[in-house]
Amino acid sequence: MQPPDPSADPGMVLRAVPAVARAAAILRLLSRSEAPMGVQPIARALRIVPSTCLHILRALVAEELVAVDPATKRYTLGSGVVALARGRLRYDAFANQAQPVLDALSSKLGTTTIGVEAASLDHMVVVAISRPGQALRLQVEIGSRYPAFISATGRCIAAFGGHAWPVIERRFAMLRWENPPTLAEWRADIEATRKAGYAVDEGRYIAGVTVIAAPVMPRGRVSHALVIVGVSEQLRRIGLARLGEELRDEAAMLSRRLAQA
C-alpha cells in the first residue's frame, strides 16, 4: 500500500522528521557562513548534540551536498547543492521568463534588478538577478533569503498575498529594519501598495538605498515579485513613480505569460 500523499489533504498534520529538519538547518547555516565551519560551531549554533551533528554531516558529505576539508575538518556546501539549484532553476518558468526582463531593466536604468519567489510566510528567495557594471553591490545572490514581509517586496506580499491581517501583524513584529516604520505607517504603506500596484521602500530597510517592487500574480495572488534596488538619490532622479509604474507593467505582462504557460 502506498503511503498517503500529504498534498492530497491540505488539512493533514505532517509528522516532524528531526533528522531532515536538522540536515536542512545545517545546509542553511553553511549557506550563510562566510568561512568553513567545524562540527562544534555548527552543533553549538543549531543546538544539536555534536555526535548527532557529525553523523548528519557525514551523510550530507556522502550525498555531495556538503564538502569537508580533510586537513581542517571544516565543512562547506558541496557541489551537489549547486547541481540541485541549477536543476531547479532550469525548469523554473518564472526565473526563465523574468531574466530577460531583468536584464533589459538593469541595462536601461543602470540598477540592480532582482526576481524573488514568495516561498513562504517566513522567507522570500532570490531566483533571478541582473547587475550592470557600475551597480550598487549588495549582498544578494541567487538563493539569498530574506524575511517574507521586509522592505518593498514584503509590502507586495502583504498587500496581494491573501493573508489575514493578524498573521501579517505578528510577522511585522519580527522584522529588522535600519529605519523601522511604525505598525500604523507600515499598514498605510501596504494600502498604498494595493492601490498603486507597486511598493517603494526609501531607506527603511537599508539606509540610503531605495527598493521598488511589483507583484507577479499569475493565479490572482502574489507568487513572485520583480524588484529594482539602487542608491536613493539615483532612483529619485529617474523618478520613483515612473520606475514603479514601469515595473508594475512589466510584472503584469509577466503574470499573464506565466498564467498561459
C-alpha atoms as a PDB file:
ATOM      1  CA  MET A   1       0.000   0.000   0.000  1.00  0.00           C
ATOM      2  CA  GLN A   2       1.273   3.461  -0.906  1.00  0.00           C
ATOM      3  CA  PRO A   3       1.725   5.943   1.962  1.00  0.00           C
ATOM      4  CA  PRO A   4      -0.770   8.808   1.995  1.00  0.00           C
ATOM      5  CA  ASP A   5       0.157  11.863  -0.016  1.00  0.00           C
ATOM      6  CA  PRO A   6       0.053  14.953   2.279  1.00  0.00           C
ATOM      7  CA  SER A   7      -0.517  17.200  -0.746  1.00  0.00           C
ATOM      8  CA  ALA A   8      -3.848  15.486  -1.348  1.00  0.00           C
ATOM      9  CA  ASP A   9      -5.173  16.574   2.042  1.00  0.00           C
ATOM     10  CA  PRO A  10      -4.384  20.187   2.992  1.00  0.00           C
ATOM     11  CA  GLY A  11      -5.712  19.550   6.496  1.00  0.00           C
ATOM     12  CA  MET A  12      -3.299  16.721   7.234  1.00  0.00           C
ATOM     13  CA  VAL A  13      -0.835  17.375  10.047  1.00  0.00           C
ATOM     14  CA  LEU A  14       2.677  16.426   8.984  1.00  0.00           C
ATOM     15  CA  ARG A  15       4.803  14.475  11.431  1.00  0.00           C
ATOM     16  CA  ALA A  16       8.124  16.086  12.280  1.00  0.00           C
ATOM     17  CA  VAL A  17      11.241  14.312  10.980  1.00  0.00           C
ATOM     18  CA  PRO A  18      14.071  15.653  13.192  1.00  0.00           C
ATOM     19  CA  ALA A  19      16.937  14.325  11.069  1.00  0.00           C
ATOM     20  CA  VAL A  20      15.585  16.016   7.946  1.00  0.00           C
ATOM     21  CA  ALA A  21      14.961  19.267   9.813  1.00  0.00           C
ATOM     22  CA  ARG A  22      18.493  19.221  11.241  1.00  0.00           C
ATOM     23  CA  ALA A  23      20.045  18.459   7.856  1.00  0.00           C
ATOM     24  CA  ALA A  24      18.157  21.379   6.321  1.00  0.00           C
ATOM     25  CA  ALA A  25      19.247  23.651   9.191  1.00  0.00           C
ATOM     26  CA  ILE A  26      22.882  22.659   8.640  1.00  0.00           C
ATOM     27  CA  LEU A  27      22.646  23.420   4.916  1.00  0.00           C
ATOM     28  CA  ARG A  28      21.086  26.814   5.607  1.00  0.00           C
ATOM     29  CA  LEU A  29      23.744  27.641   8.196  1.00  0.00           C
ATOM     30  CA  LEU A  30      26.590  26.725   5.840  1.00  0.00           C
ATOM     31  CA  SER A  31      24.979  28.760   3.058  1.00  0.00           C
ATOM     32  CA  ARG A  32      25.138  31.851   5.287  1.00  0.00           C
ATOM     33  CA  SER A  33      28.627  31.273   6.626  1.00  0.00           C
ATOM     34  CA  GLU A  34      31.487  33.254   5.076  1.00  0.00           C
ATOM     35  CA  ALA A  35      34.030  30.589   6.084  1.00  0.00           C
ATOM     36  CA  PRO A  36      34.061  26.797   6.505  1.00  0.00           C
ATOM     37  CA  MET A  37      32.768  25.596   9.871  1.00  0.00           C
ATOM     38  CA  GLY A  38      33.769  22.789  12.208  1.00  0.00           C
ATOM     39  CA  VAL A  39      31.413  20.329  13.874  1.00  0.00           C
ATOM     40  CA  GLN A  40      31.423  22.046  17.252  1.00  0.00           C
ATOM     41  CA  PRO A  41      30.497  25.539  15.953  1.00  0.00           C
ATOM     42  CA  ILE A  42      27.747  24.036  13.782  1.00  0.00           C
ATOM     43  CA  ALA A  43      26.350  21.972  16.647  1.00  0.00           C
ATOM     44  CA  ARG A  44      26.517  24.945  19.022  1.00  0.00           C
ATOM     45  CA  ALA A  45      24.817  27.327  16.582  1.00  0.00           C
ATOM     46  CA  LEU A  46      21.963  24.888  15.921  1.00  0.00           C
ATOM     47  CA  ARG A  47      21.777  23.366  19.408  1.00  0.00           C
ATOM     48  CA  ILE A  48      22.408  19.874  18.083  1.00  0.00           C
ATOM     49  CA  VAL A  49      24.291  17.204  20.025  1.00  0.00           C
ATOM     50  CA  PRO A  50      27.794  17.176  18.444  1.00  0.00           C
ATOM     51  CA  SER A  51      27.780  13.422  17.758  1.00  0.00           C
ATOM     52  CA  THR A  52      24.394  13.725  16.031  1.00  0.00           C
ATOM     53  CA  CYS A  53      25.655  16.728  14.074  1.00  0.00           C
ATOM     54  CA  LEU A  54      28.681  14.739  12.908  1.00  0.00           C
ATOM     55  CA  HIS A  55      26.520  11.825  11.711  1.00  0.00           C
ATOM     56  CA  ILE A  56      24.309  14.181   9.713  1.00  0.00           C
ATOM     57  CA  LEU A  57      27.316  15.963   8.225  1.00  0.00           C
ATOM     58  CA  ARG A  58      28.827  12.654   7.140  1.00  0.00           C
ATOM     59  CA  ALA A  59      25.568  11.701   5.440  1.00  0.00           C
ATOM     60  CA  LEU A  60      25.441  15.067   3.671  1.00  0.00           C
ATOM     61  CA  VAL A  61      29.066  14.642   2.550  1.00  0.00           C
ATOM     62  CA  ALA A  62      28.207  11.204   1.145  1.00  0.00           C
ATOM     63  CA  GLU A  63      25.407  12.821  -0.866  1.00  0.00           C
ATOM     64  CA  GLU A  64      27.805  15.588  -2.040  1.00  0.00           C
ATOM     65  CA  LEU A  65      25.584  18.266  -0.508  1.00  0.00           C
ATOM     66  CA  VAL A  66      28.383  19.176   1.912  1.00  0.00           C
ATOM     67  CA  ALA A  67      32.157  19.088   1.397  1.00  0.00           C
ATOM     68  CA  VAL A  68      34.782  18.593   4.116  1.00  0.00           C
ATOM     69  CA  ASP A  69      38.442  19.638   4.168  1.00  0.00           C
ATOM     70  CA  PRO A  70      40.305  16.539   5.453  1.00  0.00           C
ATOM     71  CA  ALA A  71      43.079  18.702   6.898  1.00  0.00           C
ATOM     72  CA  THR A  72      40.940  21.121   8.900  1.00  0.00           C
ATOM     73  CA  LYS A  73      37.790  19.000   9.366  1.00  0.00           C
ATOM     74  CA  ARG A  74      35.710  22.014   8.405  1.00  0.00           C
ATOM     75  CA  TYR A  75      32.607  21.886   6.276  1.00  0.00           C
ATOM     76  CA  THR A  76      31.189  23.945   3.400  1.00  0.00           C
ATOM     77  CA  LEU A  77      28.344  23.493   0.957  1.00  0.00           C
ATOM     78  CA  GLY A  78      29.134  20.875  -1.657  1.00  0.00           C
ATOM     79  CA  SER A  79      28.787  20.858  -5.429  1.00  0.00           C
ATOM     80  CA  GLY A  80      25.637  18.787  -5.149  1.00  0.00           C
ATOM     81  CA  VAL A  81      23.772  21.822  -3.857  1.00  0.00           C
ATOM     82  CA  VAL A  82      24.772  23.786  -6.954  1.00  0.00           C
ATOM     83  CA  ALA A  83      23.603  20.936  -9.193  1.00  0.00           C
ATOM     84  CA  LEU A  84      20.242  20.834  -7.419  1.00  0.00           C
ATOM     85  CA  ALA A  85      19.837  24.605  -7.682  1.00  0.00           C
ATOM     86  CA  ARG A  86      20.704  24.611 -11.374  1.00  0.00           C
ATOM     87  CA  GLY A  87      18.235  21.816 -11.992  1.00  0.00           C
ATOM     88  CA  ARG A  88      15.548  23.715 -10.117  1.00  0.00           C
ATOM     89  CA  LEU A  89      16.159  26.983 -11.980  1.00  0.00           C
ATOM     90  CA  ARG A  90      16.500  25.306 -15.374  1.00  0.00           C
ATOM     91  CA  TYR A  91      12.829  24.386 -15.233  1.00  0.00           C
ATOM     92  CA  ASP A  92      11.620  27.399 -13.248  1.00  0.00           C
ATOM     93  CA  ALA A  93       9.193  29.209 -15.527  1.00  0.00           C
ATOM     94  CA  PHE A  94       9.395  32.453 -13.567  1.00  0.00           C
ATOM     95  CA  ALA A  95      13.211  32.582 -13.484  1.00  0.00           C
ATOM     96  CA  ASN A  96      13.471  31.813 -17.185  1.00  0.00           C
ATOM     97  CA  GLN A  97      10.897  34.383 -18.253  1.00  0.00           C
ATOM     98  CA  ALA A  98      11.918  37.035 -15.724  1.00  0.00           C
ATOM     99  CA  GLN A  99      15.622  37.039 -16.603  1.00  0.00           C
ATOM    100  CA  PRO A 100      15.296  38.881 -19.963  1.00  0.00           C
ATOM    101  CA  VAL A 101      13.016  41.429 -18.305  1.00  0.00           C
ATOM    102  CA  LEU A 102      15.507  41.991 -15.503  1.00  0.00           C
ATOM    103  CA  ASP A 103      18.413  42.257 -17.947  1.00  0.00           C
ATOM    104  CA  ALA A 104      16.590  44.872 -20.022  1.00  0.00           C
ATOM    105  CA  LEU A 105      15.611  46.940 -16.962  1.00  0.00           C
ATOM    106  CA  SER A 106      19.078  46.693 -15.468  1.00  0.00           C
ATOM    107  CA  SER A 107      20.751  47.824 -18.693  1.00  0.00           C
ATOM    108  CA  LYS A 108      18.282  50.653 -19.226  1.00  0.00           C
ATOM    109  CA  LEU A 109      18.292  52.005 -15.663  1.00  0.00           C
ATOM    110  CA  GLY A 110      21.810  51.151 -14.511  1.00  0.00           C
ATOM    111  CA  THR A 111      20.469  49.480 -11.371  1.00  0.00           C
ATOM    112  CA  THR A 112      20.415  46.021  -9.866  1.00  0.00           C
ATOM    113  CA  THR A 113      17.187  44.164 -10.666  1.00  0.00           C
ATOM    114  CA  ILE A 114      16.009  41.044  -8.883  1.00  0.00           C
ATOM    115  CA  GLY A 115      13.357  38.365  -9.237  1.00  0.00           C
ATOM    116  CA  VAL A 116      12.168  36.791  -5.991  1.00  0.00           C
ATOM    117  CA  GLU A 117       9.893  33.906  -5.139  1.00  0.00           C
ATOM    118  CA  ALA A 118       7.475  34.350  -2.243  1.00  0.00           C
ATOM    119  CA  ALA A 119       8.461  30.960  -0.910  1.00  0.00           C
ATOM    120  CA  SER A 120       6.526  31.037   2.356  1.00  0.00           C
ATOM    121  CA  LEU A 121       5.311  33.298   5.146  1.00  0.00           C
ATOM    122  CA  ASP A 122       8.830  33.050   6.536  1.00  0.00           C
ATOM    123  CA  HIS A 123      11.043  33.909   3.573  1.00  0.00           C
ATOM    124  CA  MET A 124      11.325  35.191   0.059  1.00  0.00           C
ATOM    125  CA  VAL A 125      14.096  33.711  -2.099  1.00  0.00           C
ATOM    126  CA  VAL A 126      16.116  35.340  -4.887  1.00  0.00           C
ATOM    127  CA  VAL A 127      15.794  33.225  -8.049  1.00  0.00           C
ATOM    128  CA  ALA A 128      16.993  35.683 -10.721  1.00  0.00           C
ATOM    129  CA  ILE A 129      19.258  38.740 -10.727  1.00  0.00           C
ATOM    130  CA  SER A 130      20.833  41.197 -13.160  1.00  0.00           C
ATOM    131  CA  ARG A 131      23.526  43.792 -12.435  1.00  0.00           C
ATOM    132  CA  PRO A 132      25.023  46.429 -14.720  1.00  0.00           C
ATOM    133  CA  GLY A 133      28.734  47.010 -14.418  1.00  0.00           C
ATOM    134  CA  GLN A 134      28.563  50.017 -12.085  1.00  0.00           C
ATOM    135  CA  ALA A 135      25.564  48.959  -9.998  1.00  0.00           C
ATOM    136  CA  LEU A 136      25.405  49.226  -6.240  1.00  0.00           C
ATOM    137  CA  ARG A 137      26.896  45.990  -4.902  1.00  0.00           C
ATOM    138  CA  LEU A 138      24.620  44.412  -2.339  1.00  0.00           C
ATOM    139  CA  GLN A 139      24.973  41.116  -0.510  1.00  0.00           C
ATOM    140  CA  VAL A 140      22.434  39.382  -2.697  1.00  0.00           C
ATOM    141  CA  GLU A 141      22.900  36.312  -4.864  1.00  0.00           C
ATOM    142  CA  ILE A 142      20.774  33.559  -6.331  1.00  0.00           C
ATOM    143  CA  GLY A 143      19.397  31.650  -3.366  1.00  0.00           C
ATOM    144  CA  SER A 144      19.628  34.561  -0.898  1.00  0.00           C
ATOM    145  CA  ARG A 145      16.720  34.514   1.543  1.00  0.00           C
ATOM    146  CA  TYR A 146      15.039  37.433   3.290  1.00  0.00           C
ATOM    147  CA  PRO A 147      12.114  37.724   5.698  1.00  0.00           C
ATOM    148  CA  ALA A 148       8.916  37.476   3.679  1.00  0.00           C
ATOM    149  CA  PHE A 149       7.443  40.824   4.756  1.00  0.00           C
ATOM    150  CA  ILE A 150      10.568  43.003   4.717  1.00  0.00           C
ATOM    151  CA  SER A 151      11.039  46.086   2.541  1.00  0.00           C
ATOM    152  CA  ALA A 152       9.065  46.879  -0.637  1.00  0.00           C
ATOM    153  CA  THR A 153       8.754  43.248  -1.680  1.00  0.00           C
ATOM    154  CA  GLY A 154       7.275  42.389   1.679  1.00  0.00           C
ATOM    155  CA  ARG A 155       4.629  45.077   1.242  1.00  0.00           C
ATOM    156  CA  CYS A 156       3.631  43.450  -2.049  1.00  0.00           C
ATOM    157  CA  ILE A 157       3.335  40.078  -0.319  1.00  0.00           C
ATOM    158  CA  ALA A 158       1.265  41.642   2.468  1.00  0.00           C
ATOM    159  CA  ALA A 159      -0.947  43.534   0.006  1.00  0.00           C
ATOM    160  CA  PHE A 160      -1.544  40.782  -2.551  1.00  0.00           C
ATOM    161  CA  GLY A 161      -0.846  37.513  -0.723  1.00  0.00           C
ATOM    162  CA  GLY A 162      -4.310  36.993   0.689  1.00  0.00           C
ATOM    163  CA  HIS A 163      -3.018  36.673   4.264  1.00  0.00           C
ATOM    164  CA  ALA A 164      -5.139  37.668   7.267  1.00  0.00           C
ATOM    165  CA  TRP A 165      -4.055  40.881   8.971  1.00  0.00           C
ATOM    166  CA  PRO A 166      -3.385  39.233  12.400  1.00  0.00           C
ATOM    167  CA  VAL A 167      -0.909  36.901  10.672  1.00  0.00           C
ATOM    168  CA  ILE A 168       0.793  39.818   8.913  1.00  0.00           C
ATOM    169  CA  GLU A 169       0.920  41.863  12.119  1.00  0.00           C
ATOM    170  CA  ARG A 170       2.638  39.058  14.045  1.00  0.00           C
ATOM    171  CA  ARG A 171       5.270  38.765  11.318  1.00  0.00           C
ATOM    172  CA  PHE A 172       5.824  42.531  11.317  1.00  0.00           C
ATOM    173  CA  ALA A 173       6.952  42.381  14.945  1.00  0.00           C
ATOM    174  CA  MET A 174       9.839  40.090  13.932  1.00  0.00           C
ATOM    175  CA  LEU A 175      11.209  42.301  11.127  1.00  0.00           C
ATOM    176  CA  ARG A 176      14.507  44.183  11.479  1.00  0.00           C
ATOM    177  CA  TRP A 177      14.949  47.478   9.620  1.00  0.00           C
ATOM    178  CA  GLU A 178      17.623  50.178   9.738  1.00  0.00           C
ATOM    179  CA  ASN A 179      14.879  52.809   9.940  1.00  0.00           C
ATOM    180  CA  PRO A 180      11.808  50.878  11.102  1.00  0.00           C
ATOM    181  CA  PRO A 181       8.299  52.142  10.355  1.00  0.00           C
ATOM    182  CA  THR A 182       5.593  52.029  12.986  1.00  0.00           C
ATOM    183  CA  LEU A 183       2.879  49.435  12.523  1.00  0.00           C
ATOM    184  CA  ALA A 184       0.452  52.183  11.508  1.00  0.00           C
ATOM    185  CA  GLU A 185       2.915  53.540   8.919  1.00  0.00           C
ATOM    186  CA  TRP A 186       3.571  50.072   7.572  1.00  0.00           C
ATOM    187  CA  ARG A 187      -0.141  49.311   7.266  1.00  0.00           C
ATOM    188  CA  ALA A 188      -0.636  52.583   5.377  1.00  0.00           C
ATOM    189  CA  ASP A 189       2.236  51.596   3.066  1.00  0.00           C
ATOM    190  CA  ILE A 190       0.522  48.269   2.384  1.00  0.00           C
ATOM    191  CA  GLU A 191      -2.726  50.025   1.476  1.00  0.00           C
ATOM    192  CA  ALA A 192      -0.814  52.398  -0.820  1.00  0.00           C
ATOM    193  CA  THR A 193       0.836  49.373  -2.438  1.00  0.00           C
ATOM    194  CA  ARG A 194      -2.554  47.771  -3.032  1.00  0.00           C
ATOM    195  CA  LYS A 195      -3.813  50.917  -4.762  1.00  0.00           C
ATOM    196  CA  ALA A 196      -0.696  51.672  -6.840  1.00  0.00           C
ATOM    197  CA  GLY A 197       0.197  48.090  -7.779  1.00  0.00           C
ATOM    198  CA  TYR A 198       3.791  48.538  -6.642  1.00  0.00           C
ATOM    199  CA  ALA A 199       5.705  49.379  -3.453  1.00  0.00           C
ATOM    200  CA  VAL A 200       8.560  51.766  -2.674  1.00  0.00           C
ATOM    201  CA  ASP A 201      10.894  51.496   0.331  1.00  0.00           C
ATOM    202  CA  GLU A 202      13.064  54.614   0.670  1.00  0.00           C
ATOM    203  CA  GLY A 203      15.795  53.846   3.172  1.00  0.00           C
ATOM    204  CA  ARG A 204      13.620  51.903   5.607  1.00  0.00           C
ATOM    205  CA  TYR A 205      15.289  48.552   5.120  1.00  0.00           C
ATOM    206  CA  ILE A 206      18.787  49.829   4.252  1.00  0.00           C
ATOM    207  CA  ALA A 207      19.728  53.463   4.840  1.00  0.00           C
ATOM    208  CA  GLY A 208      20.429  55.313   1.588  1.00  0.00           C
ATOM    209  CA  VAL A 209      19.015  52.501  -0.553  1.00  0.00           C
ATOM    210  CA  THR A 210      15.635  52.513  -2.274  1.00  0.00           C
ATOM    211  CA  VAL A 211      13.836  49.287  -3.138  1.00  0.00           C
ATOM    212  CA  ILE A 212      10.916  49.219  -5.590  1.00  0.00           C
ATOM    213  CA  ALA A 213       8.873  46.049  -6.068  1.00  0.00           C
ATOM    214  CA  ALA A 214       5.878  44.911  -8.101  1.00  0.00           C
ATOM    215  CA  PRO A 215       3.960  41.665  -7.610  1.00  0.00           C
ATOM    216  CA  VAL A 216       3.799  38.848 -10.133  1.00  0.00           C
ATOM    217  CA  MET A 217       0.400  37.170  -9.779  1.00  0.00           C
ATOM    218  CA  PRO A 218      -0.274  34.517 -12.426  1.00  0.00           C
ATOM    219  CA  ARG A 219      -3.080  32.993 -10.337  1.00  0.00           C
ATOM    220  CA  GLY A 220      -4.526  36.070  -8.662  1.00  0.00           C
ATOM    221  CA  ARG A 221      -2.224  36.069  -5.641  1.00  0.00           C
ATOM    222  CA  VAL A 222       1.396  37.109  -5.452  1.00  0.00           C
ATOM    223  CA  SER A 223       3.804  34.240  -6.061  1.00  0.00           C
ATOM    224  CA  HIS A 224       6.862  36.251  -7.138  1.00  0.00           C
ATOM    225  CA  ALA A 225       7.987  39.847  -7.489  1.00  0.00           C
ATOM    226  CA  LEU A 226      10.192  41.994  -9.697  1.00  0.00           C
ATOM    227  CA  VAL A 227      12.469  44.320  -7.750  1.00  0.00           C
ATOM    228  CA  ILE A 228      14.674  47.348  -8.515  1.00  0.00           C
ATOM    229  CA  VAL A 229      17.396  48.224  -5.987  1.00  0.00           C
ATOM    230  CA  GLY A 230      19.533  51.352  -6.169  1.00  0.00           C
ATOM    231  CA  VAL A 231      21.026  54.336  -4.402  1.00  0.00           C
ATOM    232  CA  SER A 232      18.116  56.507  -3.265  1.00  0.00           C
ATOM    233  CA  GLU A 233      19.429  59.691  -4.880  1.00  0.00           C
ATOM    234  CA  GLN A 234      19.920  57.942  -8.237  1.00  0.00           C
ATOM    235  CA  LEU A 235      16.417  56.478  -8.282  1.00  0.00           C
ATOM    236  CA  ARG A 236      14.822  59.759  -7.209  1.00  0.00           C
ATOM    237  CA  ARG A 237      16.495  61.452 -10.196  1.00  0.00           C
ATOM    238  CA  ILE A 238      14.901  58.917 -12.532  1.00  0.00           C
ATOM    239  CA  GLY A 239      11.541  59.227 -10.754  1.00  0.00           C
ATOM    240  CA  LEU A 240      10.140  56.741  -8.250  1.00  0.00           C
ATOM    241  CA  ALA A 241       6.631  56.832  -9.707  1.00  0.00           C
ATOM    242  CA  ARG A 242       7.982  56.282 -13.223  1.00  0.00           C
ATOM    243  CA  LEU A 243      10.066  53.334 -12.058  1.00  0.00           C
ATOM    244  CA  GLY A 244       7.234  51.852 -10.047  1.00  0.00           C
ATOM    245  CA  GLU A 245       4.760  52.092 -12.904  1.00  0.00           C
ATOM    246  CA  GLU A 246       7.215  50.594 -15.389  1.00  0.00           C
ATOM    247  CA  LEU A 247       7.982  47.746 -13.003  1.00  0.00           C
ATOM    248  CA  ARG A 248       4.257  47.205 -12.361  1.00  0.00           C
ATOM    249  CA  ASP A 249       3.560  46.978 -16.096  1.00  0.00           C
ATOM    250  CA  GLU A 250       6.402  44.502 -16.638  1.00  0.00           C
ATOM    251  CA  ALA A 251       5.179  42.400 -13.708  1.00  0.00           C
ATOM    252  CA  ALA A 252       1.631  42.394 -15.097  1.00  0.00           C
ATOM    253  CA  MET A 253       2.821  41.211 -18.517  1.00  0.00           C
ATOM    254  CA  LEU A 254       4.953  38.527 -16.887  1.00  0.00           C
ATOM    255  CA  SER A 255       1.940  37.428 -14.819  1.00  0.00           C
ATOM    256  CA  ARG A 256      -0.093  36.945 -17.985  1.00  0.00           C
ATOM    257  CA  ARG A 257       2.648  34.968 -19.706  1.00  0.00           C
ATOM    258  CA  LEU A 258       3.057  32.682 -16.699  1.00  0.00           C
ATOM    259  CA  ALA A 259      -0.688  32.147 -16.442  1.00  0.00           C
ATOM    260  CA  GLN A 260      -0.735  30.964 -20.066  1.00  0.00           C
ATOM    261  CA  ALA A 261       2.309  28.699 -19.709  1.00  0.00           C
END
